[in-house]
Structure formats: structure tokens, C-alpha cells
Protein backbone atom coordinates (compact mmCIF):
# COMPACT_ATOMS: atom_id res chain seq x y z
CA UNK A 1 121.74 70.85 107.70
CA UNK A 2 120.47 73.39 110.23
CA UNK A 3 116.94 74.74 110.35
CA UNK A 4 113.76 75.45 112.23
CA UNK A 5 111.88 73.08 109.92
CA UNK A 6 108.60 74.85 110.65
CA UNK A 7 107.46 72.53 109.04
CA UNK A 8 109.89 70.28 107.21
CA UNK A 9 108.90 69.99 103.55
CA UNK A 10 109.86 68.30 100.30
CA UNK A 11 112.36 71.04 99.46
CA UNK A 12 114.38 70.28 102.61
CA UNK A 13 114.27 66.58 101.85
CA UNK A 14 115.21 66.95 98.18
CA UNK A 15 118.24 69.06 99.12
CA UNK A 16 119.31 66.65 101.87
CA UNK A 17 118.92 63.71 99.50
CA UNK A 18 120.89 65.54 96.81
CA UNK A 19 123.75 66.17 99.25
CA UNK A 20 123.68 62.55 100.47
CA UNK A 21 123.63 61.06 96.98
CA UNK A 22 125.58 63.49 94.78
CA UNK A 23 128.42 64.61 97.06
CA UNK A 24 131.02 62.78 99.14
CA UNK A 25 128.87 62.94 102.30
CA UNK A 26 128.01 59.65 103.97
CA UNK A 27 125.04 61.08 105.88
CA UNK A 28 123.10 64.29 106.23
CA UNK A 29 122.04 65.23 109.73
CA UNK A 30 119.06 67.53 110.25
CA UNK A 31 119.91 69.79 113.19
CA UNK A 32 116.52 70.99 114.42
CA UNK A 33 116.98 74.41 115.96
CA UNK A 34 114.68 75.28 118.85
CA UNK A 35 115.22 78.98 118.25
CA UNK A 36 117.08 80.71 115.44
CA UNK A 37 118.60 83.89 116.89
CA UNK A 38 117.64 85.79 113.71
CA UNK A 39 113.97 84.70 113.67
CA UNK A 40 110.94 85.45 115.84
CA UNK A 41 110.15 82.60 118.23
CA UNK A 42 106.43 83.43 118.32
CA UNK A 43 105.83 81.97 114.85
CA UNK A 44 107.44 78.62 115.68
CA UNK A 45 105.56 75.42 116.26
CA UNK A 46 106.62 73.71 119.49
CA UNK A 47 110.11 72.24 119.22
CA UNK A 48 108.80 68.82 120.29
CA UNK A 49 106.42 68.72 117.34
CA UNK A 50 108.94 70.07 114.82
CA UNK A 51 111.39 67.36 115.90
CA UNK A 52 108.66 64.71 115.58
CA UNK A 53 107.81 65.93 112.07
CA UNK A 54 111.46 65.75 110.96
CA UNK A 55 111.79 62.25 112.42
CA UNK A 56 108.68 61.16 110.52
CA UNK A 57 110.03 62.67 107.32
CA UNK A 58 113.35 60.80 107.39
CA UNK A 59 112.51 57.59 109.24
CA UNK A 60 112.83 55.40 106.13
CA UNK A 61 115.95 57.11 104.76
CA UNK A 62 119.18 55.49 106.02
CA UNK A 63 121.43 58.39 104.89
CA UNK A 64 119.28 61.05 106.59
CA UNK A 65 119.50 61.48 110.38
CA UNK A 66 117.97 63.83 112.93
CA UNK A 67 119.57 65.38 116.00
CA UNK A 68 118.05 67.47 118.75
CA UNK A 69 121.43 68.53 120.15
CA UNK A 70 120.47 72.19 120.15
CA UNK A 71 117.57 71.40 122.52
CA UNK A 72 120.18 70.72 125.20
CA UNK A 73 122.30 73.81 124.57
CA UNK A 74 121.88 77.42 125.75
CA UNK A 75 119.38 79.46 123.78
CA UNK A 76 119.37 80.92 121.33
CA UNK A 77 121.56 78.32 119.67
CA UNK A 78 124.49 79.36 117.52
CA UNK A 79 125.85 77.32 114.62
CA UNK A 80 129.48 77.59 115.72
CA UNK A 81 128.63 76.22 119.18
CA UNK A 82 126.71 73.29 117.71
CA UNK A 83 129.42 72.44 115.19
CA UNK A 84 132.06 72.61 117.92
CA UNK A 85 130.00 70.37 120.21
CA UNK A 86 129.40 67.82 117.43
CA UNK A 87 133.09 67.80 116.49
CA UNK A 88 134.09 67.24 120.13
CA UNK A 89 131.47 64.51 120.68
CA UNK A 90 132.26 62.67 117.43
CA UNK A 91 135.99 63.24 116.80
CA UNK A 92 136.07 60.38 114.28
CA UNK A 93 133.66 62.29 112.00
CA UNK A 94 134.22 65.32 109.85
CA UNK A 95 131.32 67.75 109.88
CA UNK A 96 130.40 70.20 107.15
CA UNK A 97 127.62 72.75 107.10
CA UNK A 98 125.00 72.54 104.35
CA UNK A 99 123.42 75.86 103.45
CA UNK A 100 121.92 77.88 100.64
CA UNK A 101 123.46 80.93 99.02
CA UNK A 102 120.74 83.02 100.71
CA UNK A 103 122.56 82.95 104.08
CA UNK A 104 125.48 84.96 102.73
CA UNK A 105 123.59 88.25 102.69
CA UNK A 106 123.59 88.13 106.52
CA UNK A 107 126.36 85.61 107.29
CA UNK A 108 128.49 88.40 108.78
CA UNK A 109 125.87 88.71 111.56
CA UNK A 110 126.37 85.12 112.70
CA UNK A 111 128.28 84.47 115.92
CA UNK A 112 131.94 83.72 115.06
CA UNK A 113 131.17 83.40 111.36
CA UNK A 114 134.87 83.67 110.47
CA UNK A 115 135.59 80.77 112.81
CA UNK A 116 132.97 78.69 110.99
CA UNK A 117 134.77 79.41 107.72
CA UNK A 118 138.15 78.61 109.27
CA UNK A 119 137.19 75.30 110.88
CA UNK A 120 134.45 73.88 108.64
CA UNK A 121 133.70 73.38 104.98
CA UNK A 122 130.38 74.74 103.74
CA UNK A 123 128.46 72.75 101.14
CA UNK A 124 126.42 75.39 99.38
CA UNK A 125 123.43 75.00 97.08
CA UNK A 126 121.90 77.77 94.95
CA UNK A 127 118.88 79.73 96.17
CA UNK A 128 116.80 81.94 93.87
CA UNK A 129 117.81 85.59 93.91
CA UNK A 130 120.97 85.19 96.00
CA UNK A 131 124.67 84.67 95.56
CA UNK A 132 127.84 84.04 97.54
CA UNK A 133 128.90 87.67 97.19
CA UNK A 134 132.29 88.34 98.79
CA UNK A 135 132.54 84.69 99.86
CA UNK A 136 132.59 83.37 96.26
CA UNK A 137 136.34 82.69 96.22
CA UNK A 138 136.61 81.24 99.72
CA UNK A 139 138.29 77.80 99.51
CA UNK A 140 136.17 76.45 102.40
CA UNK A 141 133.00 76.88 100.35
CA UNK A 142 132.09 74.10 97.94
CA UNK A 143 129.27 74.77 95.51
CA UNK A 144 126.92 72.04 94.34
CA UNK A 145 124.34 72.29 91.55
CA UNK A 146 121.36 71.16 93.59
CA UNK A 147 118.01 71.84 91.97
CA UNK A 148 116.58 75.33 92.46
CA UNK A 149 113.51 74.97 94.63
CA UNK A 150 111.08 77.71 95.56
CA UNK A 151 109.35 75.96 98.43
CA UNK A 152 109.15 77.63 101.81
CA UNK A 153 107.78 76.66 105.18
CA UNK A 154 105.99 80.02 105.41
CA UNK A 155 104.16 79.30 102.13
CA UNK A 156 103.09 75.91 103.48
CA UNK A 157 101.91 77.42 106.78
CA UNK A 158 99.87 80.03 104.89
CA UNK A 159 98.37 77.34 102.68
CA UNK A 160 97.32 75.22 105.64
CA UNK A 161 95.90 78.29 107.36
CA UNK A 162 93.86 79.03 104.22
CA UNK A 163 92.63 75.41 104.19
CA UNK A 164 94.42 74.57 100.94
CA UNK A 165 95.50 71.04 100.09
CA UNK A 166 99.25 71.00 100.85
CA UNK A 167 99.66 67.22 100.58
CA UNK A 168 102.18 67.35 97.74
CA UNK A 169 104.53 69.73 99.58
CA UNK A 170 105.69 67.28 102.26
CA UNK A 171 105.76 63.57 103.07
CA UNK A 172 102.33 62.07 103.67
CA UNK A 173 103.12 61.14 107.30
CA UNK A 174 104.18 64.72 108.03
CA UNK A 175 101.07 66.20 106.41
CA UNK A 176 98.76 63.80 108.23
CA UNK A 177 100.39 64.64 111.58
CA UNK A 178 99.94 68.36 110.91
CA UNK A 179 96.27 67.89 109.99
CA UNK A 180 95.54 65.60 112.95
CA UNK A 181 97.07 68.10 115.36
CA UNK A 182 95.48 71.13 113.62
CA UNK A 183 98.85 72.85 113.33
CA UNK A 184 99.08 76.18 111.47
CA UNK A 185 95.29 76.50 111.17
CA UNK A 186 95.04 79.61 113.37
């Protein structure tokens, strides 16, 4: 499950837990991306802190793992490069990509997106207001009825900035770390 996780929140964790418990996956790995090539870097919390927040969020969940592999790759990081590296490093494992239907409106802009579809299975969950579009009949895409969640990291950042109580939107350890470090306040 790729993402900036800026910050990680309950929506990410609910989806990861759903995939770990209600599909054939043995584990879900959070791939923390230092820089998404389609997003502005200026709005990102330091990669060290985002990684720490994800580790805090999943530390007591044996089926949820965290990797910082993209921190050691050229930037910006591209999904196909990361999947290829993981497959080469762990040949005994089969990797899939977990994503929401919202990526398919711009999936054609991804580096080697057809190669991703050729080599990997995509486990797709619904996102409000989006669909698979022309990819709906692709046999490498498996759809799962994960709960529809309208939680976003940008909403949480805005709430913290506005001094709202955002405690219920993320694990307590994550929220406390954010408050202690005064993240997203400015």
C-alpha cells in the first residue's frame, strides 16, 4: 500500500486491516513514499517523521508492516521501480498493489503503468466519486468491497492547523506525536 501518509490516519489503517483480514493477503506493507511525483513536495512533513508515524500506527499489528525502501531509491520514486525492487529482493513473495479507484483517472500518467498491469495484480477498493473506467474489465484488477471512507490527510492537517481536536481520526500514539512535535500547526 503506497502513500505519502502525511499523516497516516484511521482510513489508511482500516483499509489495510480490511485487505489483511478479508482477502488472501498474508501481510500488508505500507510503502512510505518520500516524494510522490504527482504531488508537491513543499506540503510534505519530513520523511523521517512520516515514517515514524506509520511505524507507531502499526507497531502492534502483526499483519501490517512498514518499509522505507523508497528512501533509498532515486527520487521521485516510481511504483514500478519499487515493485520491481521488492520482487527481486524477495523472490519467494508475490507482491500486489493496493489502491483505490481514484487512481484510475490519472493511472495513464504513471511511469510504465502498462507494465504494472502486466506484472502485478491490483487489489482495488472503492473511493467516493471514482470508478475503474476503461480498466474495469482488466483481469489483473481485483475489486474488494472495502468500506467507503471519506477521510483525508489534508482534512486532518487543516483540522490540526485550525486547532481542532483530531484525536479520533488517527491512533492515539500518532496524534500525540503530532501534537508534541507541533506538526501541521503552521
